[in-house]
Amino acid sequence: MNVRNHVQLIGRFGMKPEVTQLDGGRRVANIQMATSHYYTASNGEKKEETEWHRVVAYGKFAETLEQRTDKGSEVMIHGTLRTRKWTDKAGADHWTTEIIVSHLFLMSNCKTSIEVNG
């Protein structure tokens, strides 16, 4: 059986990427990305559902996103899902699921995509 953890999304950023530097000097970008699903309701009305995704990009991906994207930028990402646990200041446990970028295609404001390999 071929089991893979692979995600491919085309959507728009809901914010400018937040880029920080890790202790070792490597850069990381955190972004909220929206994807939409369109359908027709039983009454014939056209509907849109928007899903928000947490996206994390490291290294060259983070640098490219910081320099070349903004809120509303259209991108296609390939990556893997990662779920991690974190504890808030009050000691409560939380879980978050993120997409870790492995390929990035910038699609906004250009006739062809720009591929970045990290």
PDB file of N, CA and C in Angstrom:
ATOM      1  N   MET A   1       0.832  -1.166   0.000  1.00  0.00           N
ATOM      2  CA  MET A   1       0.000   0.000   0.000  1.00  0.00           C
ATOM      3  C   MET A   1       0.888   1.244   0.000  1.00  0.00           C
ATOM      4  N   ASN A   2       0.576   2.205  -0.864  1.00  0.00           N
ATOM      5  CA  ASN A   2       1.322   3.456  -0.938  1.00  0.00           C
ATOM      6  C   ASN A   2       0.573   4.509  -0.120  1.00  0.00           C
ATOM      7  N   VAL A   3       1.087   4.836   1.060  1.00  0.00           N
ATOM      8  CA  VAL A   3       0.453   5.800   1.946  1.00  0.00           C
ATOM      9  C   VAL A   3       1.279   7.073   1.930  1.00  0.00           C
ATOM     10  N   ARG A   4       0.606   8.198   1.654  1.00  0.00           N
ATOM     11  CA  ARG A   4       1.310   9.473   1.555  1.00  0.00           C
ATOM     12  C   ARG A   4       0.575  10.542   2.335  1.00  0.00           C
ATOM     13  N   ASN A   5       1.318  11.484   2.824  1.00  0.00           N
ATOM     14  CA  ASN A   5       0.784  12.681   3.464  1.00  0.00           C
ATOM     15  C   ASN A   5       1.081  13.821   2.506  1.00  0.00           C
ATOM     16  N   HIS A   6       0.125  14.144   1.649  1.00  0.00           N
ATOM     17  CA  HIS A   6       0.332  15.177   0.629  1.00  0.00           C
ATOM     18  C   HIS A   6      -0.907  16.054   0.528  1.00  0.00           C
ATOM     19  N   VAL A   7      -0.684  17.365   0.543  1.00  0.00           N
ATOM     20  CA  VAL A   7      -1.759  18.339   0.421  1.00  0.00           C
ATOM     21  C   VAL A   7      -1.428  19.261  -0.741  1.00  0.00           C
ATOM     22  N   GLN A   8      -2.421  19.584  -1.546  1.00  0.00           N
ATOM     23  CA  GLN A   8      -2.265  20.575  -2.620  1.00  0.00           C
ATOM     24  C   GLN A   8      -3.444  21.531  -2.523  1.00  0.00           C
ATOM     25  N   LEU A   9      -3.164  22.809  -2.386  1.00  0.00           N
ATOM     26  CA  LEU A   9      -4.210  23.823  -2.265  1.00  0.00           C
ATOM     27  C   LEU A   9      -3.933  24.991  -3.201  1.00  0.00           C
ATOM     28  N   ILE A  10      -4.994  25.548  -3.751  1.00  0.00           N
ATOM     29  CA  ILE A  10      -4.922  26.815  -4.471  1.00  0.00           C
ATOM     30  C   ILE A  10      -5.858  27.752  -3.737  1.00  0.00           C
ATOM     31  N   GLY A  11      -5.333  28.884  -3.321  1.00  0.00           N
ATOM     32  CA  GLY A  11      -6.150  29.821  -2.570  1.00  0.00           C
ATOM     33  C   GLY A  11      -5.490  31.183  -2.472  1.00  0.00           C
ATOM     34  N   ARG A  12      -6.017  31.988  -1.570  1.00  0.00           N
ATOM     35  CA  ARG A  12      -5.506  33.343  -1.359  1.00  0.00           C
ATOM     36  C   ARG A  12      -5.128  33.531   0.101  1.00  0.00           C
ATOM     37  N   PHE A  13      -4.080  34.332   0.306  1.00  0.00           N
ATOM     38  CA  PHE A  13      -3.655  34.642   1.665  1.00  0.00           C
ATOM     39  C   PHE A  13      -4.606  35.658   2.283  1.00  0.00           C
ATOM     40  N   GLY A  14      -4.962  35.434   3.524  1.00  0.00           N
ATOM     41  CA  GLY A  14      -5.836  36.350   4.241  1.00  0.00           C
ATOM     42  C   GLY A  14      -5.063  37.405   4.999  1.00  0.00           C
ATOM     43  N   MET A  15      -3.764  37.386   4.869  1.00  0.00           N
ATOM     44  CA  MET A  15      -2.904  38.327   5.581  1.00  0.00           C
ATOM     45  C   MET A  15      -1.525  38.332   4.934  1.00  0.00           C
ATOM     46  N   LYS A  16      -0.724  39.337   5.242  1.00  0.00           N
ATOM     47  CA  LYS A  16       0.680  39.325   4.830  1.00  0.00           C
ATOM     48  C   LYS A  16       1.365  38.261   5.679  1.00  0.00           C
ATOM     49  N   PRO A  17       2.226  37.444   5.085  1.00  0.00           N
ATOM     50  CA  PRO A  17       2.916  36.418   5.878  1.00  0.00           C
ATOM     51  C   PRO A  17       3.687  37.027   7.052  1.00  0.00           C
ATOM     52  N   GLU A  18       3.586  36.395   8.205  1.00  0.00           N
ATOM     53  CA  GLU A  18       4.349  36.794   9.386  1.00  0.00           C
ATOM     54  C   GLU A  18       5.640  35.992   9.384  1.00  0.00           C
ATOM     55  N   VAL A  19       6.761  36.662   9.147  1.00  0.00           N
ATOM     56  CA  VAL A  19       8.042  35.973   9.029  1.00  0.00           C
ATOM     57  C   VAL A  19       8.915  36.306  10.238  1.00  0.00           C
ATOM     58  N   THR A  20       9.443  35.249  10.860  1.00  0.00           N
ATOM     59  CA  THR A  20      10.347  35.403  11.995  1.00  0.00           C
ATOM     60  C   THR A  20      11.586  34.561  11.749  1.00  0.00           C
ATOM     61  N   GLN A  21      12.579  34.770  12.597  1.00  0.00           N
ATOM     62  CA  GLN A  21      13.825  34.021  12.471  1.00  0.00           C
ATOM     63  C   GLN A  21      13.960  33.085  13.656  1.00  0.00           C
ATOM     64  N   LEU A  22      14.263  31.820  13.373  1.00  0.00           N
ATOM     65  CA  LEU A  22      14.465  30.833  14.421  1.00  0.00           C
ATOM     66  C   LEU A  22      15.853  31.001  15.026  1.00  0.00           C
ATOM     67  N   ASP A  23      16.128  30.337  16.135  1.00  0.00           N
ATOM     68  CA  ASP A  23      17.405  30.465  16.832  1.00  0.00           C
ATOM     69  C   ASP A  23      18.603  30.182  15.934  1.00  0.00           C
ATOM     70  N   GLY A  24      18.493  29.214  15.042  1.00  0.00           N
ATOM     71  CA  GLY A  24      19.604  28.861  14.163  1.00  0.00           C
ATOM     72  C   GLY A  24      19.767  29.786  12.967  1.00  0.00           C
ATOM     73  N   GLY A  25      18.911  30.802  12.861  1.00  0.00           N
ATOM     74  CA  GLY A  25      18.999  31.740  11.752  1.00  0.00           C
ATOM     75  C   GLY A  25      18.038  31.440  10.607  1.00  0.00           C
ATOM     76  N   ARG A  26      17.425  30.275  10.625  1.00  0.00           N
ATOM     77  CA  ARG A  26      16.474  29.899   9.576  1.00  0.00           C
ATOM     78  C   ARG A  26      15.188  30.713   9.734  1.00  0.00           C
ATOM     79  N   ARG A  27      14.610  31.139   8.614  1.00  0.00           N
ATOM     80  CA  ARG A  27      13.394  31.945   8.650  1.00  0.00           C
ATOM     81  C   ARG A  27      12.161  31.050   8.513  1.00  0.00           C
ATOM     82  N   VAL A  28      11.075  31.475   9.166  1.00  0.00           N
ATOM     83  CA  VAL A  28       9.810  30.742   9.103  1.00  0.00           C
ATOM     84  C   VAL A  28       8.684  31.751   8.877  1.00  0.00           C
ATOM     85  N   ALA A  29       7.767  31.395   7.974  1.00  0.00           N
ATOM     86  CA  ALA A  29       6.595  32.235   7.691  1.00  0.00           C
ATOM     87  C   ALA A  29       5.339  31.498   8.125  1.00  0.00           C
ATOM     88  N   ASN A  30       4.447  32.217   8.771  1.00  0.00           N
ATOM     89  CA  ASN A  30       3.134  31.693   9.156  1.00  0.00           C
ATOM     90  C   ASN A  30       2.082  32.498   8.410  1.00  0.00           C
ATOM     91  N   ILE A  31       1.157  31.800   7.769  1.00  0.00           N
ATOM     92  CA  ILE A  31       0.181  32.440   6.912  1.00  0.00           C
ATOM     93  C   ILE A  31      -1.179  31.780   7.111  1.00  0.00           C
ATOM     94  N   GLN A  32      -2.236  32.549   6.959  1.00  0.00           N
ATOM     95  CA  GLN A  32      -3.592  32.030   6.887  1.00  0.00           C
ATOM     96  C   GLN A  32      -3.992  32.042   5.418  1.00  0.00           C
ATOM     97  N   MET A  33      -4.435  30.914   4.903  1.00  0.00           N
ATOM     98  CA  MET A  33      -4.803  30.777   3.498  1.00  0.00           C
ATOM     99  C   MET A  33      -6.252  30.346   3.389  1.00  0.00           C
ATOM    100  N   ALA A  34      -6.996  30.995   2.491  1.00  0.00           N
ATOM    101  CA  ALA A  34      -8.410  30.681   2.284  1.00  0.00           C
ATOM    102  C   ALA A  34      -8.599  29.915   0.981  1.00  0.00           C
ATOM    103  N   THR A  35      -9.421  28.875   1.046  1.00  0.00           N
ATOM    104  CA  THR A  35      -9.876  28.174  -0.151  1.00  0.00           C
ATOM    105  C   THR A  35     -11.401  28.196  -0.120  1.00  0.00           C
ATOM    106  N   SER A  36     -12.000  28.160  -1.298  1.00  0.00           N
ATOM    107  CA  SER A  36     -13.459  28.232  -1.371  1.00  0.00           C
ATOM    108  C   SER A  36     -14.034  27.056  -2.137  1.00  0.00           C
ATOM    109  N   HIS A  37     -15.221  26.693  -1.750  1.00  0.00           N
ATOM    110  CA  HIS A  37     -15.994  25.636  -2.401  1.00  0.00           C
ATOM    111  C   HIS A  37     -17.325  26.255  -2.807  1.00  0.00           C
ATOM    112  N   TYR A  38     -17.700  26.091  -4.063  1.00  0.00           N
ATOM    113  CA  TYR A  38     -18.951  26.646  -4.569  1.00  0.00           C
ATOM    114  C   TYR A  38     -19.929  25.513  -4.853  1.00  0.00           C
ATOM    115  N   TYR A  39     -21.189  25.749  -4.536  1.00  0.00           N
ATOM    116  CA  TYR A  39     -22.208  24.732  -4.780  1.00  0.00           C
ATOM    117  C   TYR A  39     -23.567  25.412  -4.939  1.00  0.00           C
ATOM    118  N   THR A  40     -24.521  24.652  -5.394  1.00  0.00           N
ATOM    119  CA  THR A  40     -25.893  25.135  -5.534  1.00  0.00           C
ATOM    120  C   THR A  40     -26.744  24.473  -4.452  1.00  0.00           C
ATOM    121  N   ALA A  41     -27.396  25.299  -3.645  1.00  0.00           N
ATOM    122  CA  ALA A  41     -28.260  24.800  -2.567  1.00  0.00           C
ATOM    123  C   ALA A  41     -29.522  24.179  -3.162  1.00  0.00           C
ATOM    124  N   SER A  42     -30.260  23.460  -2.346  1.00  0.00           N
ATOM    125  CA  SER A  42     -31.470  22.778  -2.816  1.00  0.00           C
ATOM    126  C   SER A  42     -32.517  23.748  -3.359  1.00  0.00           C
ATOM    127  N   ASN A  43     -32.465  25.022  -2.927  1.00  0.00           N
ATOM    128  CA  ASN A  43     -33.411  26.017  -3.429  1.00  0.00           C
ATOM    129  C   ASN A  43     -32.912  26.711  -4.704  1.00  0.00           C
ATOM    130  N   GLY A  44     -31.760  26.253  -5.234  1.00  0.00           N
ATOM    131  CA  GLY A  44     -31.208  26.813  -6.467  1.00  0.00           C
ATOM    132  C   GLY A  44     -30.261  27.979  -6.262  1.00  0.00           C
ATOM    133  N   GLU A  45     -30.113  28.418  -5.021  1.00  0.00           N
ATOM    134  CA  GLU A  45     -29.234  29.547  -4.723  1.00  0.00           C
ATOM    135  C   GLU A  45     -27.767  29.114  -4.769  1.00  0.00           C
ATOM    136  N   LYS A  46     -26.928  29.937  -5.416  1.00  0.00           N
ATOM    137  CA  LYS A  46     -25.487  29.664  -5.460  1.00  0.00           C
ATOM    138  C   LYS A  46     -24.879  30.020  -4.102  1.00  0.00           C
ATOM    139  N   LYS A  47     -24.058  29.126  -3.578  1.00  0.00           N
ATOM    140  CA  LYS A  47     -23.444  29.302  -2.264  1.00  0.00           C
ATOM    141  C   LYS A  47     -21.928  29.169  -2.360  1.00  0.00           C
ATOM    142  N   GLU A  48     -21.249  29.807  -1.430  1.00  0.00           N
ATOM    143  CA  GLU A  48     -19.788  29.695  -1.317  1.00  0.00           C
ATOM    144  C   GLU A  48     -19.450  29.396   0.135  1.00  0.00           C
ATOM    145  N   GLU A  49     -18.587  28.404   0.337  1.00  0.00           N
ATOM    146  CA  GLU A  49     -18.065  28.092   1.665  1.00  0.00           C
ATOM    147  C   GLU A  49     -16.565  28.303   1.632  1.00  0.00           C
ATOM    148  N   THR A  50     -16.060  29.066   2.585  1.00  0.00           N
ATOM    149  CA  THR A  50     -14.631  29.343   2.659  1.00  0.00           C
ATOM    150  C   THR A  50     -14.033  28.583   3.837  1.00  0.00           C
ATOM    151  N   GLU A  51     -12.917  27.925   3.596  1.00  0.00           N
ATOM    152  CA  GLU A  51     -12.172  27.182   4.613  1.00  0.00           C
ATOM    153  C   GLU A  51     -10.832  27.892   4.808  1.00  0.00           C
ATOM    154  N   TRP A  52     -10.429  28.071   6.068  1.00  0.00           N
ATOM    155  CA  TRP A  52      -9.143  28.711   6.376  1.00  0.00           C
ATOM    156  C   TRP A  52      -8.134  27.655   6.798  1.00  0.00           C
ATOM    157  N   HIS A  53      -6.911  27.788   6.314  1.00  0.00           N
ATOM    158  CA  HIS A  53      -5.839  26.832   6.573  1.00  0.00           C
ATOM    159  C   HIS A  53      -4.639  27.562   7.161  1.00  0.00           C
ATOM    160  N   ARG A  54      -3.986  26.919   8.107  1.00  0.00           N
ATOM    161  CA  ARG A  54      -2.726  27.437   8.657  1.00  0.00           C
ATOM    162  C   ARG A  54      -1.601  26.873   7.798  1.00  0.00           C
ATOM    163  N   VAL A  55      -0.764  27.759   7.288  1.00  0.00           N
ATOM    164  CA  VAL A  55       0.332  27.357   6.411  1.00  0.00           C
ATOM    165  C   VAL A  55       1.647  27.822   7.040  1.00  0.00           C
ATOM    166  N   VAL A  56       2.645  26.936   7.024  1.00  0.00           N
ATOM    167  CA  VAL A  56       3.968  27.249   7.566  1.00  0.00           C
ATOM    168  C   VAL A  56       5.004  26.982   6.480  1.00  0.00           C
ATOM    169  N   ALA A  57       5.882  27.959   6.267  1.00  0.00           N
ATOM    170  CA  ALA A  57       6.932  27.830   5.250  1.00  0.00           C
ATOM    171  C   ALA A  57       8.277  28.162   5.889  1.00  0.00           C
ATOM    172  N   TYR A  58       9.291  27.384   5.546  1.00  0.00           N
ATOM    173  CA  TYR A  58      10.631  27.570   6.108  1.00  0.00           C
ATOM    174  C   TYR A  58      11.628  27.978   5.026  1.00  0.00           C
ATOM    175  N   GLY A  59      12.748  28.563   5.446  1.00  0.00           N
ATOM    176  CA  GLY A  59      13.882  28.838   4.564  1.00  0.00           C
ATOM    177  C   GLY A  59      13.543  29.712   3.377  1.00  0.00           C
ATOM    178  N   LYS A  60      13.905  29.216   2.188  1.00  0.00           N
ATOM    179  CA  LYS A  60      13.695  29.961   0.950  1.00  0.00           C
ATOM    180  C   LYS A  60      12.220  30.249   0.696  1.00  0.00           C
ATOM    181  N   PHE A  61      11.352  29.323   1.079  1.00  0.00           N
ATOM    182  CA  PHE A  61       9.915  29.547   0.926  1.00  0.00           C
ATOM    183  C   PHE A  61       9.487  30.766   1.745  1.00  0.00           C
ATOM    184  N   ALA A  62       9.932  30.847   2.999  1.00  0.00           N
ATOM    185  CA  ALA A  62       9.574  31.962   3.873  1.00  0.00           C
ATOM    186  C   ALA A  62      10.080  33.282   3.292  1.00  0.00           C
ATOM    187  N   GLU A  63      11.314  33.286   2.814  1.00  0.00           N
ATOM    188  CA  GLU A  63      11.890  34.503   2.234  1.00  0.00           C
ATOM    189  C   GLU A  63      11.105  34.950   0.998  1.00  0.00           C
ATOM    190  N   THR A  64      10.745  34.003   0.131  1.00  0.00           N
ATOM    191  CA  THR A  64       9.989  34.333  -1.082  1.00  0.00           C
ATOM    192  C   THR A  64       8.619  34.894  -0.720  1.00  0.00           C
ATOM    193  N   LEU A  65       7.953  34.272   0.227  1.00  0.00           N
ATOM    194  CA  LEU A  65       6.635  34.757   0.636  1.00  0.00           C
ATOM    195  C   LEU A  65       6.721  36.159   1.222  1.00  0.00           C
ATOM    196  N   GLU A  66       7.744  36.406   2.018  1.00  0.00           N
ATOM    197  CA  GLU A  66       7.916  37.727   2.631  1.00  0.00           C
ATOM    198  C   GLU A  66       8.137  38.807   1.566  1.00  0.00           C
ATOM    199  N   GLN A  67       8.938  38.493   0.564  1.00  0.00           N
ATOM    200  CA  GLN A  67       9.306  39.471  -0.454  1.00  0.00           C
ATOM    201  C   GLN A  67       8.260  39.641  -1.545  1.00  0.00           C
ATOM    202  N   ARG A  68       7.505  38.586  -1.873  1.00  0.00           N
ATOM    203  CA  ARG A  68       6.698  38.611  -3.092  1.00  0.00           C
ATOM    204  C   ARG A  68       5.204  38.436  -2.903  1.00  0.00           C
ATOM    205  N   THR A  69       4.738  38.313  -1.656  1.00  0.00           N
ATOM    206  CA  THR A  69       3.306  38.130  -1.456  1.00  0.00           C
ATOM    207  C   THR A  69       2.766  39.113  -0.430  1.00  0.00           C
ATOM    208  N   ASP A  70       1.454  39.224  -0.420  1.00  0.00           N
ATOM    209  CA  ASP A  70       0.765  40.122   0.499  1.00  0.00           C
ATOM    210  C   ASP A  70      -0.626  39.548   0.744  1.00  0.00           C
ATOM    211  N   LYS A  71      -1.415  40.228   1.514  1.00  0.00           N
ATOM    212  CA  LYS A  71      -2.810  39.828   1.711  1.00  0.00           C
ATOM    213  C   LYS A  71      -3.498  39.789   0.354  1.00  0.00           C
ATOM    214  N   GLY A  72      -4.216  38.707   0.069  1.00  0.00           N
ATOM    215  CA  GLY A  72      -4.921  38.558  -1.199  1.00  0.00           C
ATOM    216  C   GLY A  72      -4.128  37.860  -2.287  1.00  0.00           C
ATOM    217  N   SER A  73      -2.836  37.615  -2.082  1.00  0.00           N
ATOM    218  CA  SER A  73      -2.024  36.931  -3.091  1.00  0.00           C
ATOM    219  C   SER A  73      -2.563  35.534  -3.345  1.00  0.00           C
ATOM    220  N   GLU A  74      -2.651  35.170  -4.638  1.00  0.00           N
ATOM    221  CA  GLU A  74      -3.110  33.834  -5.004  1.00  0.00           C
ATOM    222  C   GLU A  74      -1.899  32.922  -5.149  1.00  0.00           C
ATOM    223  N   VAL A  75      -1.943  31.772  -4.496  1.00  0.00           N
ATOM    224  CA  VAL A  75      -0.829  30.833  -4.514  1.00  0.00           C
ATOM    225  C   VAL A  75      -1.346  29.410  -4.619  1.00  0.00           C
ATOM    226  N   MET A  76      -0.473  28.537  -5.090  1.00  0.00           N
ATOM    227  CA  MET A  76      -0.720  27.106  -5.009  1.00  0.00           C
ATOM    228  C   MET A  76       0.422  26.536  -4.182  1.00  0.00           C
ATOM    229  N   ILE A  77       0.063  25.753  -3.186  1.00  0.00           N
ATOM    230  CA  ILE A  77       1.093  25.125  -2.357  1.00  0.00           C
ATOM    231  C   ILE A  77       0.912  23.621  -2.380  1.00  0.00           C
ATOM    232  N   HIS A  78       2.026  22.944  -2.276  1.00  0.00           N
ATOM    233  CA  HIS A  78       2.057  21.503  -2.033  1.00  0.00           C
ATOM    234  C   HIS A  78       2.760  21.360  -0.694  1.00  0.00           C
ATOM    235  N   GLY A  79       2.313  20.415   0.106  1.00  0.00           N
ATOM    236  CA  GLY A  79       2.957  20.229   1.386  1.00  0.00           C
ATOM    237  C   GLY A  79       2.442  19.008   2.102  1.00  0.00           C
ATOM    238  N   THR A  80       2.743  18.962   3.392  1.00  0.00           N
ATOM    239  CA  THR A  80       2.310  17.858   4.241  1.00  0.00           C
ATOM    240  C   THR A  80       1.546  18.410   5.440  1.00  0.00           C
ATOM    241  N   LEU A  81       0.616  17.613   5.951  1.00  0.00           N
ATOM    242  CA  LEU A  81      -0.113  17.991   7.151  1.00  0.00           C
ATOM    243  C   LEU A  81       0.699  17.638   8.382  1.00  0.00           C
ATOM    244  N   ARG A  82       0.674  18.545   9.338  1.00  0.00           N
ATOM    245  CA  ARG A  82       1.321  18.285  10.626  1.00  0.00           C
ATOM    246  C   ARG A  82       0.371  18.763  11.717  1.00  0.00           C
ATOM    247  N   THR A  83       0.072  17.906  12.654  1.00  0.00           N
ATOM    248  CA  THR A  83      -0.729  18.279  13.804  1.00  0.00           C
ATOM    249  C   THR A  83       0.179  18.298  15.014  1.00  0.00           C
ATOM    250  N   ARG A  84       0.114  19.383  15.758  1.00  0.00           N
ATOM    251  CA  ARG A  84       0.983  19.492  16.937  1.00  0.00           C
ATOM    252  C   ARG A  84       0.187  20.000  18.129  1.00  0.00           C
ATOM    253  N   LYS A  85       0.689  19.673  19.292  1.00  0.00           N
ATOM    254  CA  LYS A  85       0.060  20.068  20.543  1.00  0.00           C
ATOM    255  C   LYS A  85       0.857  21.228  21.140  1.00  0.00           C
ATOM    256  N   TRP A  86       0.138  22.187  21.734  1.00  0.00           N
ATOM    257  CA  TRP A  86       0.803  23.265  22.439  1.00  0.00           C
ATOM    258  C   TRP A  86       0.004  23.605  23.690  1.00  0.00           C
ATOM    259  N   THR A  87       0.665  24.212  24.650  1.00  0.00           N
ATOM    260  CA  THR A  87       0.051  24.558  25.930  1.00  0.00           C
ATOM    261  C   THR A  87       0.052  26.065  26.095  1.00  0.00           C
ATOM    262  N   ASP A  88      -1.112  26.626  26.444  1.00  0.00           N
ATOM    263  CA  ASP A  88      -1.191  28.080  26.613  1.00  0.00           C
ATOM    264  C   ASP A  88      -0.682  28.480  28.001  1.00  0.00           C
ATOM    265  N   LYS A  89      -0.676  29.781  28.274  1.00  0.00           N
ATOM    266  CA  LYS A  89      -0.133  30.303  29.533  1.00  0.00           C
ATOM    267  C   LYS A  89      -0.909  29.811  30.751  1.00  0.00           C
ATOM    268  N   ALA A  90      -2.190  29.475  30.546  1.00  0.00           N
ATOM    269  CA  ALA A  90      -3.017  28.977  31.649  1.00  0.00           C
ATOM    270  C   ALA A  90      -2.833  27.475  31.871  1.00  0.00           C
ATOM    271  N   GLY A  91      -2.017  26.829  31.034  1.00  0.00           N
ATOM    272  CA  GLY A  91      -1.764  25.403  31.182  1.00  0.00           C
ATOM    273  C   GLY A  91      -2.713  24.507  30.409  1.00  0.00           C
ATOM    274  N   ALA A  92      -3.601  25.103  29.607  1.00  0.00           N
ATOM    275  CA  ALA A  92      -4.554  24.304  28.820  1.00  0.00           C
ATOM    276  C   ALA A  92      -3.885  23.805  27.539  1.00  0.00           C
ATOM    277  N   ASP A  93      -4.136  22.555  27.213  1.00  0.00           N
ATOM    278  CA  ASP A  93      -3.586  21.967  25.996  1.00  0.00           C
ATOM    279  C   ASP A  93      -4.456  22.317  24.791  1.00  0.00           C
ATOM    280  N   HIS A  94      -3.808  22.568  23.669  1.00  0.00           N
ATOM    281  CA  HIS A  94      -4.487  22.853  22.412  1.00  0.00           C
ATOM    282  C   HIS A  94      -3.801  22.056  21.308  1.00  0.00           C
ATOM    283  N   TRP A  95      -4.552  21.790  20.246  1.00  0.00           N
ATOM    284  CA  TRP A  95      -4.021  21.108  19.075  1.00  0.00           C
ATOM    285  C   TRP A  95      -4.212  22.011  17.866  1.00  0.00           C
ATOM    286  N   THR A  96      -3.263  22.001  16.950  1.00  0.00           N
ATOM    287  CA  THR A  96      -3.398  22.758  15.712  1.00  0.00           C
ATOM    288  C   THR A  96      -2.886  21.915  14.556  1.00  0.00           C
ATOM    289  N   THR A  97      -3.529  22.037  13.424  1.00  0.00           N
ATOM    290  CA  THR A  97      -3.104  21.330  12.218  1.00  0.00           C
ATOM    291  C   THR A  97      -2.616  22.362  11.218  1.00  0.00           C
ATOM    292  N   GLU A  98      -1.420  22.123  10.677  1.00  0.00           N
ATOM    293  CA  GLU A  98      -0.781  23.054   9.752  1.00  0.00           C
ATOM    294  C   GLU A  98      -0.368  22.322   8.485  1.00  0.00           C
ATOM    295  N   ILE A  99      -0.191  23.080   7.427  1.00  0.00           N
ATOM    296  CA  ILE A  99       0.358  22.555   6.184  1.00  0.00           C
ATOM    297  C   ILE A  99       1.782  23.085   6.077  1.00  0.00           C
ATOM    298  N   ILE A 100       2.740  22.166   5.996  1.00  0.00           N
ATOM    299  CA  ILE A 100       4.150  22.541   5.869  1.00  0.00           C
ATOM    300  C   ILE A 100       4.487  22.553   4.384  1.00  0.00           C
ATOM    301  N   VAL A 101       4.897  23.698   3.870  1.00  0.00           N
ATOM    302  CA  VAL A 101       5.116  23.889   2.434  1.00  0.00           C
ATOM    303  C   VAL A 101       6.323  23.099   1.944  1.00  0.00           C
ATOM    304  N   SER A 102       6.125  22.351   0.841  1.00  0.00           N
ATOM    305  CA  SER A 102       7.240  21.666   0.180  1.00  0.00           C
ATOM    306  C   SER A 102       7.443  22.187  -1.252  1.00  0.00           C
ATOM    307  N   HIS A 103       6.409  22.771  -1.852  1.00  0.00           N
ATOM    308  CA  HIS A 103       6.503  23.434  -3.160  1.00  0.00           C
ATOM    309  C   HIS A 103       5.571  24.630  -3.133  1.00  0.00           C
ATOM    310  N   LEU A 104       5.979  25.684  -3.804  1.00  0.00           N
ATOM    311  CA  LEU A 104       5.223  26.930  -3.790  1.00  0.00           C
ATOM    312  C   LEU A 104       5.144  27.485  -5.200  1.00  0.00           C
ATOM    313  N   PHE A 105       3.941  27.869  -5.611  1.00  0.00           N
ATOM    314  CA  PHE A 105       3.722  28.473  -6.921  1.00  0.00           C
ATOM    315  C   PHE A 105       3.005  29.799  -6.706  1.00  0.00           C
ATOM    316  N   LEU A 106       3.653  30.904  -7.059  1.00  0.00           N
ATOM    317  CA  LEU A 106       3.037  32.223  -6.942  1.00  0.00           C
ATOM    318  C   LEU A 106       2.231  32.471  -8.203  1.00  0.00           C
ATOM    319  N   MET A 107       0.958  32.765  -8.050  1.00  0.00           N
ATOM    320  CA  MET A 107       0.083  32.877  -9.207  1.00  0.00           C
ATOM    321  C   MET A 107      -0.479  34.285  -9.386  1.00  0.00           C
ATOM    322  N   SER A 108      -0.447  35.113  -8.379  1.00  0.00           N
ATOM    323  CA  SER A 108      -1.036  36.439  -8.439  1.00  0.00           C
ATOM    324  C   SER A 108      -0.266  37.370  -9.371  1.00  0.00           C
ATOM    325  N   ASN A 109      -1.013  38.127 -10.116  1.00  0.00           N
ATOM    326  CA  ASN A 109      -0.471  39.204 -10.950  1.00  0.00           C
ATOM    327  C   ASN A 109       0.585  38.753 -11.945  1.00  0.00           C
ATOM    328  N   CYS A 110       0.480  37.541 -12.424  1.00  0.00           N
ATOM    329  CA  CYS A 110       1.415  37.107 -13.451  1.00  0.00           C
ATOM    330  C   CYS A 110       0.716  36.107 -14.362  1.00  0.00           C
ATOM    331  N   LYS A 111       1.172  36.030 -15.589  1.00  0.00           N
ATOM    332  CA  LYS A 111       0.546  35.138 -16.557  1.00  0.00           C
ATOM    333  C   LYS A 111       1.021  33.703 -16.386  1.00  0.00           C
ATOM    334  N   THR A 112       2.178  33.515 -15.790  1.00  0.00           N
ATOM    335  CA  THR A 112       2.689  32.170 -15.532  1.00  0.00           C
ATOM    336  C   THR A 112       3.081  32.084 -14.065  1.00  0.00           C
ATOM    337  N   SER A 113       3.071  30.898 -13.515  1.00  0.00           N
ATOM    338  CA  SER A 113       3.420  30.747 -12.123  1.00  0.00           C
ATOM    339  C   SER A 113       4.930  30.762 -11.942  1.00  0.00           C
ATOM    340  N   ILE A 114       5.347  31.099 -10.748  1.00  0.00           N
ATOM    341  CA  ILE A 114       6.766  31.071 -10.379  1.00  0.00           C
ATOM    342  C   ILE A 114       6.907  29.949  -9.363  1.00  0.00           C
ATOM    343  N   GLU A 115       7.748  28.984  -9.678  1.00  0.00           N
ATOM    344  CA  GLU A 115       7.935  27.850  -8.778  1.00  0.00           C
ATOM    345  C   GLU A 115       9.169  28.087  -7.930  1.00  0.00           C
ATOM    346  N   VAL A 116       9.028  27.839  -6.636  1.00  0.00           N
ATOM    347  CA  VAL A 116      10.149  27.962  -5.708  1.00  0.00           C
ATOM    348  C   VAL A 116      10.372  26.598  -5.100  1.00  0.00           C
ATOM    349  N   ASN A 117      11.582  26.092  -5.195  1.00  0.00           N
ATOM    350  CA  ASN A 117      11.948  24.836  -4.549  1.00  0.00           C
ATOM    351  C   ASN A 117      12.862  25.160  -3.401  1.00  0.00           C
ATOM    352  N   GLY A 118      12.481  24.722  -2.212  1.00  0.00           N
ATOM    353  CA  GLY A 118      13.227  25.072  -1.008  1.00  0.00           C
ATOM    354  C   GLY A 118      14.252  24.084  -0.677  1.00  0.00           C
TER     355      GLY A 118
END
